[in-house]
C-alpha atoms as a PDB file:
ATOM      1  CA  MET A   1      30.521  -7.752  22.425  1.00  0.00           C
ATOM      2  CA  THR A   2      27.227  -6.764  24.039  1.00  0.00           C
ATOM      3  CA  ALA A   3      24.000  -7.627  22.275  1.00  0.00           C
ATOM      4  CA  THR A   4      21.404  -4.939  21.809  1.00  0.00           C
ATOM      5  CA  PRO A   5      17.985  -6.169  22.997  1.00  0.00           C
ATOM      6  CA  VAL A   6      14.997  -5.691  20.764  1.00  0.00           C
ATOM      7  CA  ALA A   7      12.241  -3.353  21.835  1.00  0.00           C
ATOM      8  CA  THR A   8       9.515  -4.846  23.990  1.00  0.00           C
ATOM      9  CA  ASP A   9       6.877  -2.132  23.676  1.00  0.00           C
ATOM     10  CA  ARG A  10       5.970  -2.585  20.051  1.00  0.00           C
ATOM     11  CA  ASP A  11       5.001  -5.216  17.544  1.00  0.00           C
ATOM     12  CA  TYR A  12       6.986  -6.010  14.433  1.00  0.00           C
ATOM     13  CA  PRO A  13       4.745  -4.855  11.551  1.00  0.00           C
ATOM     14  CA  GLN A  14       5.661  -5.502   7.924  1.00  0.00           C
ATOM     15  CA  MET A  15       6.499  -2.476   5.789  1.00  0.00           C
ATOM     16  CA  ILE A  16       3.068  -1.074   5.077  1.00  0.00           C
ATOM     17  CA  ALA A  17       1.495   0.950   2.290  1.00  0.00           C
ATOM     18  CA  ALA A  18      -1.781   2.751   1.815  1.00  0.00           C
ATOM     19  CA  ILE A  19      -4.748   0.653   0.701  1.00  0.00           C
ATOM     20  CA  ASN A  20      -5.215   0.822  -3.103  1.00  0.00           C
ATOM     21  CA  ARG A  21      -1.694   2.051  -3.725  1.00  0.00           C
ATOM     22  CA  VAL A  22      -0.775   1.027  -7.289  1.00  0.00           C
ATOM     23  CA  GLU A  23       2.746   0.658  -8.678  1.00  0.00           C
ATOM     24  CA  PRO A  24       4.223  -0.899 -11.818  1.00  0.00           C
ATOM     25  CA  VAL A  25       5.892  -4.288 -11.401  1.00  0.00           C
ATOM     26  CA  PRO A  26       9.383  -4.183 -12.968  1.00  0.00           C
ATOM     27  CA  ARG A  27       9.528  -8.010 -13.230  1.00  0.00           C
ATOM     28  CA  ARG A  28       8.074 -10.438 -15.718  1.00  0.00           C
ATOM     29  CA  VAL A  29       5.171 -12.294 -14.052  1.00  0.00           C
ATOM     30  CA  ARG A  30       3.690 -15.590 -15.249  1.00  0.00           C
ATOM     31  CA  ALA A  31       1.349 -18.258 -13.898  1.00  0.00           C
ATOM     32  CA  THR A  32       0.182 -21.708 -14.943  1.00  0.00           C
ATOM     33  CA  LEU A  33      -2.811 -23.990 -14.442  1.00  0.00           C
ATOM     34  CA  GLY A  34      -3.246 -27.552 -15.663  1.00  0.00           C
ATOM     35  CA  GLY A  35      -0.029 -27.349 -17.658  1.00  0.00           C
ATOM     36  CA  GLU A  36      -1.152 -24.215 -19.516  1.00  0.00           C
ATOM     37  CA  GLN A  37       0.320 -20.732 -19.234  1.00  0.00           C
ATOM     38  CA  ILE A  38      -2.532 -18.439 -18.211  1.00  0.00           C
ATOM     39  CA  PHE A  39      -0.697 -15.157 -18.542  1.00  0.00           C
ATOM     40  CA  ASP A  40       2.738 -13.741 -19.281  1.00  0.00           C
ATOM     41  CA  SER A  41       3.178 -10.073 -18.414  1.00  0.00           C
ATOM     42  CA  THR A  42       5.884  -7.456 -18.186  1.00  0.00           C
ATOM     43  CA  GLY A  43       3.268  -4.797 -17.407  1.00  0.00           C
ATOM     44  CA  ALA A  44       1.714  -6.130 -14.195  1.00  0.00           C
ATOM     45  CA  ARG A  45       0.792  -3.759 -11.358  1.00  0.00           C
ATOM     46  CA  TYR A  46       1.253  -4.053  -7.629  1.00  0.00           C
ATOM     47  CA  VAL A  47      -2.005  -3.221  -5.832  1.00  0.00           C
ATOM     48  CA  TRP A  48      -2.076  -3.065  -2.045  1.00  0.00           C
ATOM     49  CA  GLU A  49      -5.418  -4.563  -1.007  1.00  0.00           C
ATOM     50  CA  LEU A  50      -3.953  -4.894   2.493  1.00  0.00           C
ATOM     51  CA  PRO A  51      -1.302  -2.633   3.991  1.00  0.00           C
ATOM     52  CA  TYR A  52       1.327  -5.373   4.392  1.00  0.00           C
ATOM     53  CA  TYR A  53       1.951  -6.715   0.897  1.00  0.00           C
ATOM     54  CA  PRO A  54       0.566  -6.213  -2.627  1.00  0.00           C
ATOM     55  CA  GLN A  55      -1.259  -8.453  -5.087  1.00  0.00           C
ATOM     56  CA  TYR A  56      -0.608  -8.705  -8.808  1.00  0.00           C
ATOM     57  CA  TYR A  57      -3.085  -7.192 -11.257  1.00  0.00           C
ATOM     58  CA  ILE A  58      -2.455  -8.382 -14.821  1.00  0.00           C
ATOM     59  CA  PRO A  59      -3.294  -6.345 -17.960  1.00  0.00           C
ATOM     60  CA  LEU A  60      -5.980  -8.180 -19.929  1.00  0.00           C
ATOM     61  CA  GLU A  61      -3.904  -8.046 -23.106  1.00  0.00           C
ATOM     62  CA  ASP A  62      -1.345 -10.280 -21.365  1.00  0.00           C
ATOM     63  CA  VAL A  63      -3.938 -12.904 -20.363  1.00  0.00           C
ATOM     64  CA  ASP A  64      -4.792 -15.855 -22.591  1.00  0.00           C
ATOM     65  CA  ARG A  65      -8.542 -15.215 -22.803  1.00  0.00           C
ATOM     66  CA  ARG A  66      -9.231 -18.783 -23.963  1.00  0.00           C
ATOM     67  CA  PHE A  67      -9.007 -19.854 -20.330  1.00  0.00           C
ATOM     68  CA  LEU A  68     -11.443 -17.254 -18.946  1.00  0.00           C
ATOM     69  CA  ILE A  69     -15.158 -18.005 -18.637  1.00  0.00           C
ATOM     70  CA  ASP A  70     -17.383 -15.008 -17.922  1.00  0.00           C
ATOM     71  CA  GLU A  71     -19.812 -15.900 -15.107  1.00  0.00           C
ATOM     72  CA  GLN A  72     -22.001 -12.884 -15.919  1.00  0.00           C
ATOM     73  CA  ARG A  73     -21.949 -11.597 -12.371  1.00  0.00           C
ATOM     74  CA  GLU A  74     -20.523  -8.425 -10.904  1.00  0.00           C
ATOM     75  CA  GLN A  75     -18.748  -7.728  -7.646  1.00  0.00           C
ATOM     76  CA  ARG A  76     -18.204  -4.361  -6.028  1.00  0.00           C
ATOM     77  CA  THR A  77     -14.678  -4.077  -4.587  1.00  0.00           C
ATOM     78  CA  ARG A  78     -12.488  -1.321  -3.174  1.00  0.00           C
ATOM     79  CA  GLN A  79     -10.762  -1.192  -6.537  1.00  0.00           C
ATOM     80  CA  GLY A  80     -13.994  -0.802  -8.515  1.00  0.00           C
ATOM     81  CA  LEU A  81     -16.688  -2.896 -10.159  1.00  0.00           C
ATOM     82  CA  ALA A  82     -15.374  -6.291 -11.311  1.00  0.00           C
ATOM     83  CA  ASN A  83     -16.826  -9.063 -13.460  1.00  0.00           C
ATOM     84  CA  ARG A  84     -16.228 -12.545 -12.048  1.00  0.00           C
ATOM     85  CA  HIS A  85     -14.715 -15.165 -14.312  1.00  0.00           C
ATOM     86  CA  SER A  86     -13.873 -18.830 -13.928  1.00  0.00           C
ATOM     87  CA  LEU A  87     -10.623 -20.391 -15.089  1.00  0.00           C
ATOM     88  CA  ARG A  88     -10.592 -23.565 -17.173  1.00  0.00           C
ATOM     89  CA  ALA A  89      -7.305 -25.035 -18.397  1.00  0.00           C
ATOM     90  CA  GLY A  90      -5.822 -28.476 -18.849  1.00  0.00           C
ATOM     91  CA  GLY A  91      -8.977 -30.175 -17.612  1.00  0.00           C
ATOM     92  CA  VAL A  92      -8.967 -28.124 -14.392  1.00  0.00           C
ATOM     93  CA  GLU A  93     -11.669 -25.588 -13.523  1.00  0.00           C
ATOM     94  CA  ARG A  94     -11.506 -22.854 -10.881  1.00  0.00           C
ATOM     95  CA  PRO A  95     -14.916 -21.140 -10.463  1.00  0.00           C
ATOM     96  CA  GLY A  96     -14.928 -17.432  -9.635  1.00  0.00           C
ATOM     97  CA  ALA A  97     -11.133 -17.261  -9.506  1.00  0.00           C
ATOM     98  CA  VAL A  98     -10.677 -14.091 -11.588  1.00  0.00           C
ATOM     99  CA  ARG A  99     -11.923 -10.533 -11.240  1.00  0.00           C
ATOM    100  CA  VAL A 100     -11.813  -8.429 -14.401  1.00  0.00           C
ATOM    101  CA  PHE A 101     -11.965  -4.655 -13.897  1.00  0.00           C
ATOM    102  CA  GLY A 102     -13.642  -2.173 -16.220  1.00  0.00           C
ATOM    103  CA  LYS A 103     -13.347   1.543 -16.833  1.00  0.00           C
ATOM    104  CA  ASP A 104     -14.740   2.637 -13.455  1.00  0.00           C
ATOM    105  CA  ALA A 105     -11.857   1.043 -11.527  1.00  0.00           C
ATOM    106  CA  ILE A 106      -9.284   3.100  -9.669  1.00  0.00           C
ATOM    107  CA  GLY A 107      -6.319   4.467 -11.582  1.00  0.00           C
ATOM    108  CA  GLY A 108      -3.992   1.776 -12.865  1.00  0.00           C
ATOM    109  CA  VAL A 109      -6.499  -1.042 -12.320  1.00  0.00           C
ATOM    110  CA  ALA A 110      -8.953  -0.544 -15.215  1.00  0.00           C
ATOM    111  CA  GLY A 111      -8.429  -3.208 -17.860  1.00  0.00           C
ATOM    112  CA  THR A 112      -6.654  -5.638 -15.538  1.00  0.00           C
ATOM    113  CA  ALA A 113      -7.448  -9.064 -14.100  1.00  0.00           C
ATOM    114  CA  ARG A 114      -6.877 -10.115 -10.514  1.00  0.00           C
ATOM    115  CA  PHE A 115      -6.327 -13.893 -10.043  1.00  0.00           C
ATOM    116  CA  ASP A 116      -6.894 -15.741  -6.774  1.00  0.00           C
ATOM    117  CA  TRP A 117      -3.438 -16.933  -5.776  1.00  0.00           C
ATOM    118  CA  GLY A 118      -4.411 -20.479  -4.832  1.00  0.00           C
ATOM    119  CA  ALA A 119      -6.413 -21.013  -8.019  1.00  0.00           C
ATOM    120  CA  LEU A 120      -3.226 -21.301 -10.069  1.00  0.00           C
ATOM    121  CA  ASP A 121      -0.720 -24.146  -9.909  1.00  0.00           C
ATOM    122  CA  ALA A 122       2.402 -21.964  -9.908  1.00  0.00           C
ATOM    123  CA  TRP A 123       3.459 -18.324 -10.084  1.00  0.00           C
ATOM    124  CA  TYR A 124       6.789 -17.013 -11.377  1.00  0.00           C
ATOM    125  CA  GLU A 125       8.750 -13.789 -11.171  1.00  0.00           C
ATOM    126  CA  GLU A 126      11.087 -13.946 -14.158  1.00  0.00           C
ATOM    127  CA  ASP A 127      12.123 -17.646 -14.036  1.00  0.00           C
ATOM    128  CA  GLU A 128      11.886 -18.160 -10.266  1.00  0.00           C
ATOM    129  CA  ARG A 129       8.827 -19.698  -8.665  1.00  0.00           C
ATOM    130  CA  ILE A 130       7.256 -17.599  -5.899  1.00  0.00           C
ATOM    131  CA  PHE A 131       4.977 -18.619  -3.070  1.00  0.00           C
ATOM    132  CA  VAL A 132       2.011 -17.382  -0.967  1.00  0.00           C
ATOM    133  CA  HIS A 133       1.794 -13.829  -2.359  1.00  0.00           C
ATOM    134  CA  PRO A 134       3.946 -11.320  -4.261  1.00  0.00           C
ATOM    135  CA  ARG A 135       7.074 -10.216  -2.484  1.00  0.00           C
ATOM    136  CA  ASN A 136       6.721  -6.752  -1.012  1.00  0.00           C
ATOM    137  CA  PRO A 137       9.174  -4.564  -2.973  1.00  0.00           C
ATOM    138  CA  TYR A 138       9.906  -2.669   0.253  1.00  0.00           C
ATOM    139  CA  VAL A 139      10.927  -5.759   2.221  1.00  0.00           C
ATOM    140  CA  ARG A 140      14.529  -6.921   2.216  1.00  0.00           C
ATOM    141  CA  VAL A 141      15.775 -10.300   3.464  1.00  0.00           C
ATOM    142  CA  ASP A 142      19.474 -11.016   4.071  1.00  0.00           C
ATOM    143  CA  ALA A 143      21.145 -14.163   5.432  1.00  0.00           C
ATOM    144  CA  LEU A 144      24.566 -13.563   6.963  1.00  0.00           C
ATOM    145  CA  ARG A 145      26.985 -15.963   8.657  1.00  0.00           C
ATOM    146  CA  SER A 146      28.103 -14.648  12.046  1.00  0.00           C
ATOM    147  CA  HIS A 147      30.442 -15.539  14.922  1.00  0.00           C
ATOM    148  CA  ARG A 148      28.129 -14.252  17.627  1.00  0.00           C
ATOM    149  CA  HIS A 149      27.399 -16.702  20.431  1.00  0.00           C
ATOM    150  CA  ILE A 150      23.725 -17.664  20.132  1.00  0.00           C
ATOM    151  CA  ARG A 151      21.805 -19.941  22.500  1.00  0.00           C
ATOM    152  CA  ALA A 152      18.167 -20.984  22.154  1.00  0.00           C
ATOM    153  CA  SER A 153      16.525 -22.457  25.247  1.00  0.00           C
ATOM    154  CA  LEU A 154      13.167 -23.141  26.834  1.00  0.00           C
ATOM    155  CA  GLY A 155      12.520 -23.684  30.525  1.00  0.00           C
ATOM    156  CA  GLY A 156      16.265 -23.530  31.149  1.00  0.00           C
ATOM    157  CA  ILE A 157      16.970 -26.391  28.721  1.00  0.00           C
ATOM    158  CA  THR A 158      19.352 -25.637  25.859  1.00  0.00           C
ATOM    159  CA  LEU A 159      17.794 -26.421  22.481  1.00  0.00           C
ATOM    160  CA  ALA A 160      20.629 -25.134  20.300  1.00  0.00           C
ATOM    161  CA  GLU A 161      23.907 -23.291  20.808  1.00  0.00           C
ATOM    162  CA  SER A 162      26.408 -21.982  18.273  1.00  0.00           C
ATOM    163  CA  THR A 163      29.241 -19.549  17.667  1.00  0.00           C
ATOM    164  CA  ALA A 164      28.741 -19.782  13.891  1.00  0.00           C
ATOM    165  CA  PRO A 165      25.023 -19.205  13.252  1.00  0.00           C
ATOM    166  CA  VAL A 166      23.395 -17.681  10.193  1.00  0.00           C
ATOM    167  CA  LEU A 167      21.388 -14.554  10.998  1.00  0.00           C
ATOM    168  CA  VAL A 168      18.392 -13.694   8.825  1.00  0.00           C
ATOM    169  CA  PHE A 169      17.393 -10.041   8.740  1.00  0.00           C
ATOM    170  CA  GLU A 170      13.921  -9.494   7.272  1.00  0.00           C
ATOM    171  CA  THR A 171      12.296  -6.077   7.145  1.00  0.00           C
ATOM    172  CA  GLY A 172       9.582  -5.812   9.770  1.00  0.00           C
ATOM    173  CA  LEU A 173      10.526  -8.987  11.696  1.00  0.00           C
ATOM    174  CA  PRO A 174      12.949  -9.778  14.508  1.00  0.00           C
ATOM    175  CA  THR A 175      16.275 -11.329  13.559  1.00  0.00           C
ATOM    176  CA  ARG A 176      16.032 -15.098  13.113  1.00  0.00           C
ATOM    177  CA  TYR A 177      18.945 -17.266  14.243  1.00  0.00           C
ATOM    178  CA  TYR A 178      19.672 -20.407  12.211  1.00  0.00           C
ATOM    179  CA  PHE A 179      21.755 -23.230  13.697  1.00  0.00           C
ATOM    180  CA  ASP A 180      23.733 -25.993  12.033  1.00  0.00           C
ATOM    181  CA  ARG A 181      22.099 -29.330  12.834  1.00  0.00           C
ATOM    182  CA  THR A 182      25.173 -30.469  14.760  1.00  0.00           C
ATOM    183  CA  ASP A 183      24.497 -27.599  17.185  1.00  0.00           C
ATOM    184  CA  VAL A 184      20.885 -28.605  17.881  1.00  0.00           C
ATOM    185  CA  ALA A 185      19.765 -30.843  20.787  1.00  0.00           C
ATOM    186  CA  PHE A 186      17.415 -33.138  18.871  1.00  0.00           C
ATOM    187  CA  ALA A 187      16.638 -35.086  22.046  1.00  0.00           C
ATOM    188  CA  HIS A 188      14.280 -32.230  22.914  1.00  0.00           C
ATOM    189  CA  LEU A 189      12.659 -31.954  19.476  1.00  0.00           C
ATOM    190  CA  VAL A 190       9.744 -33.939  18.090  1.00  0.00           C
ATOM    191  CA  PRO A 191       9.299 -33.905  14.286  1.00  0.00           C
ATOM    192  CA  GLY A 192       5.888 -33.110  12.826  1.00  0.00           C
ATOM    193  CA  ASP A 193       4.217 -32.887   9.434  1.00  0.00           C
ATOM    194  CA  THR A 194       3.529 -29.131   9.381  1.00  0.00           C
ATOM    195  CA  GLN A 195       4.591 -27.318   6.230  1.00  0.00           C
ATOM    196  CA  THR A 196       4.509 -23.582   5.593  1.00  0.00           C
ATOM    197  CA  ALA A 197       5.593 -21.329   2.741  1.00  0.00           C
ATOM    198  CA  CYS A 198       7.231 -17.917   2.657  1.00  0.00           C
ATOM    199  CA  PRO A 199       7.412 -15.543  -0.337  1.00  0.00           C
ATOM    200  CA  TYR A 200      11.048 -14.799   0.483  1.00  0.00           C
ATOM    201  CA  LYS A 201      12.424 -18.145   1.696  1.00  0.00           C
ATOM    202  CA  GLY A 202      10.349 -20.814  -0.061  1.00  0.00           C
ATOM    203  CA  VAL A 203       8.665 -23.920   1.386  1.00  0.00           C
ATOM    204  CA  THR A 204       9.729 -25.468   4.688  1.00  0.00           C
ATOM    205  CA  SER A 205      11.002 -29.045   4.668  1.00  0.00           C
ATOM    206  CA  ASP A 206      10.654 -29.809   8.401  1.00  0.00           C
ATOM    207  CA  TYR A 207       8.981 -28.606  11.583  1.00  0.00           C
ATOM    208  CA  TRP A 208       9.647 -29.653  15.183  1.00  0.00           C
ATOM    209  CA  SER A 209       7.835 -29.255  18.490  1.00  0.00           C
ATOM    210  CA  VAL A 210       9.760 -28.942  21.748  1.00  0.00           C
ATOM    211  CA  ARG A 211       9.607 -31.747  24.314  1.00  0.00           C
ATOM    212  CA  ILE A 212      10.228 -30.818  27.951  1.00  0.00           C
ATOM    213  CA  ASP A 213      10.232 -33.502  30.681  1.00  0.00           C
ATOM    214  CA  GLY A 214       9.180 -36.083  28.131  1.00  0.00           C
ATOM    215  CA  MET A 215       6.112 -34.287  26.823  1.00  0.00           C
ATOM    216  CA  VAL A 216       5.060 -31.587  24.340  1.00  0.00           C
ATOM    217  CA  ARG A 217       2.956 -29.020  26.173  1.00  0.00           C
ATOM    218  CA  ASP A 218       0.462 -26.563  24.741  1.00  0.00           C
ATOM    219  CA  GLY A 219       2.341 -23.671  23.231  1.00  0.00           C
ATOM    220  CA  HIS A 220       5.413 -25.782  22.440  1.00  0.00           C
ATOM    221  CA  ARG A 221       4.239 -27.127  19.095  1.00  0.00           C
ATOM    222  CA  ASP A 222       5.906 -26.234  15.806  1.00  0.00           C
ATOM    223  CA  LEU A 223       8.527 -23.949  17.336  1.00  0.00           C
ATOM    224  CA  ALA A 224      11.439 -24.879  15.042  1.00  0.00           C
ATOM    225  CA  TRP A 225      11.711 -25.229  11.286  1.00  0.00           C
ATOM    226  CA  ALA A 226      14.112 -25.763   8.410  1.00  0.00           C
ATOM    227  CA  TYR A 227      14.299 -25.030   4.691  1.00  0.00           C
ATOM    228  CA  ASP A 228      16.286 -27.729   2.915  1.00  0.00           C
ATOM    229  CA  TYR A 229      15.754 -26.011  -0.434  1.00  0.00           C
ATOM    230  CA  PRO A 230      15.319 -22.273   0.178  1.00  0.00           C
ATOM    231  CA  THR A 231      15.161 -19.628  -2.510  1.00  0.00           C
ATOM    232  CA  ARG A 232      18.414 -18.609  -4.166  1.00  0.00           C
ATOM    233  CA  GLN A 233      18.755 -15.466  -2.052  1.00  0.00           C
ATOM    234  CA  LEU A 234      18.501 -17.474   1.183  1.00  0.00           C
ATOM    235  CA  LEU A 235      20.815 -20.370   0.298  1.00  0.00           C
ATOM    236  CA  PRO A 236      22.946 -19.831   3.444  1.00  0.00           C
ATOM    237  CA  ILE A 237      20.075 -21.242   5.568  1.00  0.00           C
ATOM    238  CA  ALA A 238      19.728 -24.481   3.583  1.00  0.00           C
ATOM    239  CA  GLY A 239      19.292 -27.349   6.046  1.00  0.00           C
ATOM    240  CA  LEU A 240      19.739 -25.132   9.117  1.00  0.00           C
ATOM    241  CA  ILE A 241      17.231 -24.908  11.968  1.00  0.00           C
ATOM    242  CA  ALA A 242      15.637 -21.786  13.479  1.00  0.00           C
ATOM    243  CA  PHE A 243      13.338 -21.258  16.459  1.00  0.00           C
ATOM    244  CA  TYR A 244      10.535 -18.775  16.989  1.00  0.00           C
ATOM    245  CA  ASN A 245      12.018 -16.009  19.155  1.00  0.00           C
ATOM    246  CA  GLU A 246       8.463 -15.312  20.260  1.00  0.00           C
ATOM    247  CA  LYS A 247       8.208 -18.660  22.073  1.00  0.00           C
ATOM    248  CA  VAL A 248      11.754 -19.630  23.128  1.00  0.00           C
ATOM    249  CA  ASP A 249      14.511 -17.739  24.926  1.00  0.00           C
ATOM    250  CA  ILE A 250      17.376 -16.387  22.823  1.00  0.00           C
ATOM    251  CA  ASP A 251      20.705 -15.331  24.333  1.00  0.00           C
ATOM    252  CA  VAL A 252      23.061 -13.314  22.115  1.00  0.00           C
ATOM    253  CA  ASP A 253      26.643 -13.031  23.385  1.00  0.00           C
ATOM    254  CA  GLY A 254      25.427 -13.886  26.874  1.00  0.00           C
ATOM    255  CA  GLN A 255      22.572 -11.390  26.986  1.00  0.00           C
ATOM    256  CA  ARG A 256      18.947 -12.553  27.057  1.00  0.00           C
ATOM    257  CA  LEU A 257      16.746 -10.913  24.429  1.00  0.00           C
ATOM    258  CA  PRO A 258      13.150  -9.995  25.319  1.00  0.00           C
ATOM    259  CA  ARG A 259      10.658 -12.085  23.408  1.00  0.00           C
ATOM    260  CA  PRO A 260       9.228 -10.053  20.530  1.00  0.00           C
ATOM    261  CA  ARG A 261       5.580  -9.840  19.492  1.00  0.00           C
ATOM    262  CA  THR A 262       4.764 -10.607  15.870  1.00  0.00           C
ATOM    263  CA  HIS A 263       1.770 -11.597  13.750  1.00  0.00           C
ATOM    264  CA  PHE A 264       2.832 -15.248  14.003  1.00  0.00           C
ATOM    265  CA  PHE A 265       1.642 -15.466  17.616  1.00  0.00           C
ATOM    266  CA  LYS A 266      -1.276 -13.278  18.678  1.00  0.00           C
END
């Protein structure tokens, strides 16, 4: 079977939407701070402040107002005039972490609160914890076992090779190829302490740099990663290792794929 190379003349943008697009969130959304539940909403709105993914805006009636402290200062935003509030719960205080929107806000935003993501200890969609930012409802992520012959290499040195990889297809990104650990040449990998989070896959458990000729060169750091405990939808990648296609060479069924360009490496 012949592999189809990815395009080389374009980037891989996320599914995008117009700034200030507002949509209802069909999921229950909750968040906690200091052991207290700050809000619990089935009427949240998606608001695209950036074109790539939305933020949650929570109706004020779903917020426990005991934890909001009005700072008596206003901020002009693209969504309208907002009053800044601090959060105080469970002995923890987060100054300026909430924007509360009044009647002059854009449609769908008036009467809502926008919480800084990092100001809260944990966010949940239904009963599943989510990370980094809300999942874009127009992005799909699938993890499929395959029998394609995949080889990852750098400078002619094989880093991993498999005929039973897991392929992850994520809207707006190149296919990622995950290898069983028995198929990875760990002699060329150096573990590090980097940790990242993904709204769709969870929090990474490990990162590795690539060592060539006994040393890790600039540009070879943090090129491989693993999720030991991924989200439920991505369980097939648990414990497997993937490499950034942008920085290593990937051969699929004997055909070299051009290196893609993504927002991960400018």
